[in-house]
Amino acid sequence: MNLRMGDEKKEKQKLDWKDYIAIIIAMLTTTLLPLLVIISILVIIVIIVSRFIF
């Protein structure tokens, strides 16, 4: 009986494709989004400064 309960727990822990998409979205929002914001701000600053210099 304990073996069946262990098997049921293992089945509940399997990840579906939706779970992987949720993990990827969470990773993107926590790590890549701030980097993209910083890079885009730096690019805008460089464009503005280059317009004034040249």
PDB file of N, CA and C in Angstrom:
ATOM      1  N   MET A   1       0.823  -1.189   0.000  1.00  0.00           N
ATOM      2  CA  MET A   1       0.000   0.000   0.000  1.00  0.00           C
ATOM      3  C   MET A   1       0.870   1.257   0.000  1.00  0.00           C
ATOM      4  N   ASN A   2       1.995   1.224   0.710  1.00  0.00           N
ATOM      5  CA  ASN A   2       2.879   2.381   0.707  1.00  0.00           C
ATOM      6  C   ASN A   2       3.496   2.602  -0.671  1.00  0.00           C
ATOM      7  N   LEU A   3       3.741   1.508  -1.389  1.00  0.00           N
ATOM      8  CA  LEU A   3       4.307   1.649  -2.724  1.00  0.00           C
ATOM      9  C   LEU A   3       3.334   2.357  -3.657  1.00  0.00           C
ATOM     10  N   ARG A   4       2.061   2.049  -3.541  1.00  0.00           N
ATOM     11  CA  ARG A   4       1.081   2.714  -4.403  1.00  0.00           C
ATOM     12  C   ARG A   4       1.009   4.198  -4.077  1.00  0.00           C
ATOM     13  N   MET A   5       1.085   4.538  -2.812  1.00  0.00           N
ATOM     14  CA  MET A   5       1.033   5.946  -2.442  1.00  0.00           C
ATOM     15  C   MET A   5       2.260   6.673  -2.980  1.00  0.00           C
ATOM     16  N   GLY A   6       3.408   6.010  -2.949  1.00  0.00           N
ATOM     17  CA  GLY A   6       4.607   6.605  -3.509  1.00  0.00           C
ATOM     18  C   GLY A   6       4.496   6.791  -5.007  1.00  0.00           C
ATOM     19  N   ASP A   7       3.891   5.817  -5.698  1.00  0.00           N
ATOM     20  CA  ASP A   7       3.686   5.933  -7.137  1.00  0.00           C
ATOM     21  C   ASP A   7       2.741   7.082  -7.469  1.00  0.00           C
ATOM     22  N   GLU A   8       1.705   7.250  -6.656  1.00  0.00           N
ATOM     23  CA  GLU A   8       0.770   8.346  -6.890  1.00  0.00           C
ATOM     24  C   GLU A   8       1.459   9.683  -6.697  1.00  0.00           C
ATOM     25  N   LYS A   9       2.329   9.779  -5.724  1.00  0.00           N
ATOM     26  CA  LYS A   9       3.051  11.030  -5.507  1.00  0.00           C
ATOM     27  C   LYS A   9       3.966  11.334  -6.691  1.00  0.00           C
ATOM     28  N   LYS A  10       4.599  10.302  -7.243  1.00  0.00           N
ATOM     29  CA  LYS A  10       5.465  10.514  -8.397  1.00  0.00           C
ATOM     30  C   LYS A  10       4.660  10.975  -9.605  1.00  0.00           C
ATOM     31  N   GLU A  11       3.473  10.429  -9.782  1.00  0.00           N
ATOM     32  CA  GLU A  11       2.645  10.834 -10.905  1.00  0.00           C
ATOM     33  C   GLU A  11       2.204  12.284 -10.765  1.00  0.00           C
ATOM     34  N   LYS A  12       1.956  12.735  -9.562  1.00  0.00           N
ATOM     35  CA  LYS A  12       1.522  14.110  -9.350  1.00  0.00           C
ATOM     36  C   LYS A  12       2.657  15.103  -9.609  1.00  0.00           C
ATOM     37  N   GLN A  13       3.899  14.659  -9.511  1.00  0.00           N
ATOM     38  CA  GLN A  13       5.035  15.550  -9.667  1.00  0.00           C
ATOM     39  C   GLN A  13       5.484  15.691 -11.125  1.00  0.00           C
ATOM     40  N   LYS A  14       4.882  14.957 -12.027  1.00  0.00           N
ATOM     41  CA  LYS A  14       5.262  15.076 -13.442  1.00  0.00           C
ATOM     42  C   LYS A  14       4.849  16.443 -13.965  1.00  0.00           C
ATOM     43  N   LEU A  15       5.719  17.043 -14.764  1.00  0.00           N
ATOM     44  CA  LEU A  15       5.444  18.366 -15.312  1.00  0.00           C
ATOM     45  C   LEU A  15       4.851  18.246 -16.705  1.00  0.00           C
ATOM     46  N   ASP A  16       3.854  19.069 -16.953  1.00  0.00           N
ATOM     47  CA  ASP A  16       3.222  19.129 -18.262  1.00  0.00           C
ATOM     48  C   ASP A  16       3.921  20.209 -19.080  1.00  0.00           C
ATOM     49  N   TRP A  17       3.612  20.308 -20.362  1.00  0.00           N
ATOM     50  CA  TRP A  17       4.248  21.316 -21.216  1.00  0.00           C
ATOM     51  C   TRP A  17       3.879  22.712 -20.767  1.00  0.00           C
ATOM     52  N   LYS A  18       2.707  22.881 -20.177  1.00  0.00           N
ATOM     53  CA  LYS A  18       2.298  24.193 -19.676  1.00  0.00           C
ATOM     54  C   LYS A  18       3.186  24.628 -18.509  1.00  0.00           C
ATOM     55  N   ASP A  19       3.608  23.664 -17.709  1.00  0.00           N
ATOM     56  CA  ASP A  19       4.493  23.978 -16.590  1.00  0.00           C
ATOM     57  C   ASP A  19       5.846  24.474 -17.091  1.00  0.00           C
ATOM     58  N   TYR A  20       6.352  23.860 -18.143  1.00  0.00           N
ATOM     59  CA  TYR A  20       7.629  24.299 -18.701  1.00  0.00           C
ATOM     60  C   TYR A  20       7.512  25.700 -19.290  1.00  0.00           C
ATOM     61  N   ILE A  21       6.403  26.000 -19.928  1.00  0.00           N
ATOM     62  CA  ILE A  21       6.203  27.349 -20.458  1.00  0.00           C
ATOM     63  C   ILE A  21       6.140  28.361 -19.320  1.00  0.00           C
ATOM     64  N   ALA A  22       5.455  28.000 -18.231  1.00  0.00           N
ATOM     65  CA  ALA A  22       5.375  28.891 -17.074  1.00  0.00           C
ATOM     66  C   ALA A  22       6.749  29.126 -16.459  1.00  0.00           C
ATOM     67  N   ILE A  23       7.571  28.096 -16.406  1.00  0.00           N
ATOM     68  CA  ILE A  23       8.927  28.237 -15.867  1.00  0.00           C
ATOM     69  C   ILE A  23       9.755  29.157 -16.760  1.00  0.00           C
ATOM     70  N   ILE A  24       9.644  28.986 -18.070  1.00  0.00           N
ATOM     71  CA  ILE A  24      10.399  29.834 -18.999  1.00  0.00           C
ATOM     72  C   ILE A  24       9.962  31.286 -18.879  1.00  0.00           C
ATOM     73  N   ILE A  25       8.650  31.519 -18.777  1.00  0.00           N
ATOM     74  CA  ILE A  25       8.154  32.883 -18.634  1.00  0.00           C
ATOM     75  C   ILE A  25       8.642  33.494 -17.328  1.00  0.00           C
ATOM     76  N   ALA A  26       8.632  32.717 -16.263  1.00  0.00           N
ATOM     77  CA  ALA A  26       9.123  33.221 -14.981  1.00  0.00           C
ATOM     78  C   ALA A  26      10.608  33.545 -15.051  1.00  0.00           C
ATOM     79  N   MET A  27      11.378  32.709 -15.739  1.00  0.00           N
ATOM     80  CA  MET A  27      12.803  32.982 -15.886  1.00  0.00           C
ATOM     81  C   MET A  27      13.043  34.240 -16.702  1.00  0.00           C
ATOM     82  N   LEU A  28      12.260  34.416 -17.755  1.00  0.00           N
ATOM     83  CA  LEU A  28      12.427  35.596 -18.597  1.00  0.00           C
ATOM     84  C   LEU A  28      12.087  36.877 -17.847  1.00  0.00           C
ATOM     85  N   THR A  29      11.027  36.840 -17.067  1.00  0.00           N
ATOM     86  CA  THR A  29      10.616  38.059 -16.369  1.00  0.00           C
ATOM     87  C   THR A  29      11.550  38.392 -15.220  1.00  0.00           C
ATOM     88  N   THR A  30      12.187  37.411 -14.627  1.00  0.00           N
ATOM     89  CA  THR A  30      13.047  37.703 -13.479  1.00  0.00           C
ATOM     90  C   THR A  30      14.485  38.013 -13.877  1.00  0.00           C
ATOM     91  N   THR A  31      14.961  37.470 -14.976  1.00  0.00           N
ATOM     92  CA  THR A  31      16.370  37.681 -15.327  1.00  0.00           C
ATOM     93  C   THR A  31      16.563  38.520 -16.577  1.00  0.00           C
ATOM     94  N   LEU A  32      15.858  38.187 -17.636  1.00  0.00           N
ATOM     95  CA  LEU A  32      16.115  38.866 -18.898  1.00  0.00           C
ATOM     96  C   LEU A  32      15.407  40.206 -19.031  1.00  0.00           C
ATOM     97  N   LEU A  33      14.252  40.357 -18.422  1.00  0.00           N
ATOM     98  CA  LEU A  33      13.514  41.610 -18.570  1.00  0.00           C
ATOM     99  C   LEU A  33      14.284  42.806 -18.009  1.00  0.00           C
ATOM    100  N   PRO A  34      14.836  42.734 -16.805  1.00  0.00           N
ATOM    101  CA  PRO A  34      15.635  43.878 -16.339  1.00  0.00           C
ATOM    102  C   PRO A  34      16.843  44.162 -17.217  1.00  0.00           C
ATOM    103  N   LEU A  35      17.473  43.117 -17.732  1.00  0.00           N
ATOM    104  CA  LEU A  35      18.615  43.325 -18.623  1.00  0.00           C
ATOM    105  C   LEU A  35      18.187  44.004 -19.915  1.00  0.00           C
ATOM    106  N   LEU A  36      17.059  43.593 -20.465  1.00  0.00           N
ATOM    107  CA  LEU A  36      16.569  44.226 -21.681  1.00  0.00           C
ATOM    108  C   LEU A  36      16.208  45.688 -21.448  1.00  0.00           C
ATOM    109  N   VAL A  37      15.647  45.986 -20.298  1.00  0.00           N
ATOM    110  CA  VAL A  37      15.308  47.381 -19.981  1.00  0.00           C
ATOM    111  C   VAL A  37      16.580  48.214 -19.859  1.00  0.00           C
ATOM    112  N   ILE A  38      17.584  47.706 -19.164  1.00  0.00           N
ATOM    113  CA  ILE A  38      18.842  48.436 -18.999  1.00  0.00           C
ATOM    114  C   ILE A  38      19.521  48.639 -20.353  1.00  0.00           C
ATOM    115  N   ILE A  39      19.562  47.598 -21.169  1.00  0.00           N
ATOM    116  CA  ILE A  39      20.209  47.707 -22.480  1.00  0.00           C
ATOM    117  C   ILE A  39      19.467  48.698 -23.368  1.00  0.00           C
ATOM    118  N   SER A  40      18.142  48.657 -23.339  1.00  0.00           N
ATOM    119  CA  SER A  40      17.391  49.594 -24.178  1.00  0.00           C
ATOM    120  C   SER A  40      17.591  51.032 -23.712  1.00  0.00           C
ATOM    121  N   ILE A  41      17.673  51.273 -22.412  1.00  0.00           N
ATOM    122  CA  ILE A  41      17.936  52.618 -21.905  1.00  0.00           C
ATOM    123  C   ILE A  41      19.323  53.085 -22.331  1.00  0.00           C
ATOM    124  N   LEU A  42      20.307  52.199 -22.260  1.00  0.00           N
ATOM    125  CA  LEU A  42      21.656  52.558 -22.691  1.00  0.00           C
ATOM    126  C   LEU A  42      21.701  52.875 -24.183  1.00  0.00           C
ATOM    127  N   VAL A  43      20.983  52.115 -24.980  1.00  0.00           N
ATOM    128  CA  VAL A  43      20.947  52.373 -26.421  1.00  0.00           C
ATOM    129  C   VAL A  43      20.303  53.724 -26.705  1.00  0.00           C
ATOM    130  N   ILE A  44      19.235  54.045 -26.011  1.00  0.00           N
ATOM    131  CA  ILE A  44      18.578  55.347 -26.189  1.00  0.00           C
ATOM    132  C   ILE A  44      19.515  56.477 -25.796  1.00  0.00           C
ATOM    133  N   ILE A  45      20.239  56.305 -24.694  1.00  0.00           N
ATOM    134  CA  ILE A  45      21.185  57.335 -24.257  1.00  0.00           C
ATOM    135  C   ILE A  45      22.287  57.516 -25.295  1.00  0.00           C
ATOM    136  N   VAL A  46      22.806  56.425 -25.836  1.00  0.00           N
ATOM    137  CA  VAL A  46      23.860  56.501 -26.849  1.00  0.00           C
ATOM    138  C   VAL A  46      23.347  57.203 -28.096  1.00  0.00           C
ATOM    139  N   ILE A  47      22.140  56.900 -28.505  1.00  0.00           N
ATOM    140  CA  ILE A  47      21.571  57.560 -29.684  1.00  0.00           C
ATOM    141  C   ILE A  47      21.420  59.060 -29.439  1.00  0.00           C
ATOM    142  N   ILE A  48      20.917  59.430 -28.281  1.00  0.00           N
ATOM    143  CA  ILE A  48      20.734  60.854 -27.967  1.00  0.00           C
ATOM    144  C   ILE A  48      22.075  61.571 -27.902  1.00  0.00           C
ATOM    145  N   VAL A  49      23.048  60.970 -27.258  1.00  0.00           N
ATOM    146  CA  VAL A  49      24.363  61.594 -27.141  1.00  0.00           C
ATOM    147  C   VAL A  49      25.041  61.689 -28.505  1.00  0.00           C
ATOM    148  N   SER A  50      24.914  60.677 -29.328  1.00  0.00           N
ATOM    149  CA  SER A  50      25.552  60.726 -30.642  1.00  0.00           C
ATOM    150  C   SER A  50      24.909  61.800 -31.529  1.00  0.00           C
ATOM    151  N   ARG A  51      23.630  62.077 -31.340  1.00  0.00           N
ATOM    152  CA  ARG A  51      22.979  63.142 -32.120  1.00  0.00           C
ATOM    153  C   ARG A  51      23.536  64.517 -31.737  1.00  0.00           C
ATOM    154  N   PHE A  52      23.814  64.704 -30.458  1.00  0.00           N
ATOM    155  CA  PHE A  52      24.342  65.993 -30.004  1.00  0.00           C
ATOM    156  C   PHE A  52      25.814  66.173 -30.339  1.00  0.00           C
ATOM    157  N   ILE A  53      26.588  65.109 -30.325  1.00  0.00           N
ATOM    158  CA  ILE A  53      28.013  65.205 -30.594  1.00  0.00           C
ATOM    159  C   ILE A  53      28.259  65.419 -32.088  1.00  0.00           C
ATOM    160  N   PHE A  54      27.571  64.641 -32.933  1.00  0.00           N
ATOM    161  CA  PHE A  54      27.784  64.740 -34.371  1.00  0.00           C
ATOM    162  C   PHE A  54      26.726  65.621 -34.929  1.00  0.00           C
TER     163      PHE A  54
END
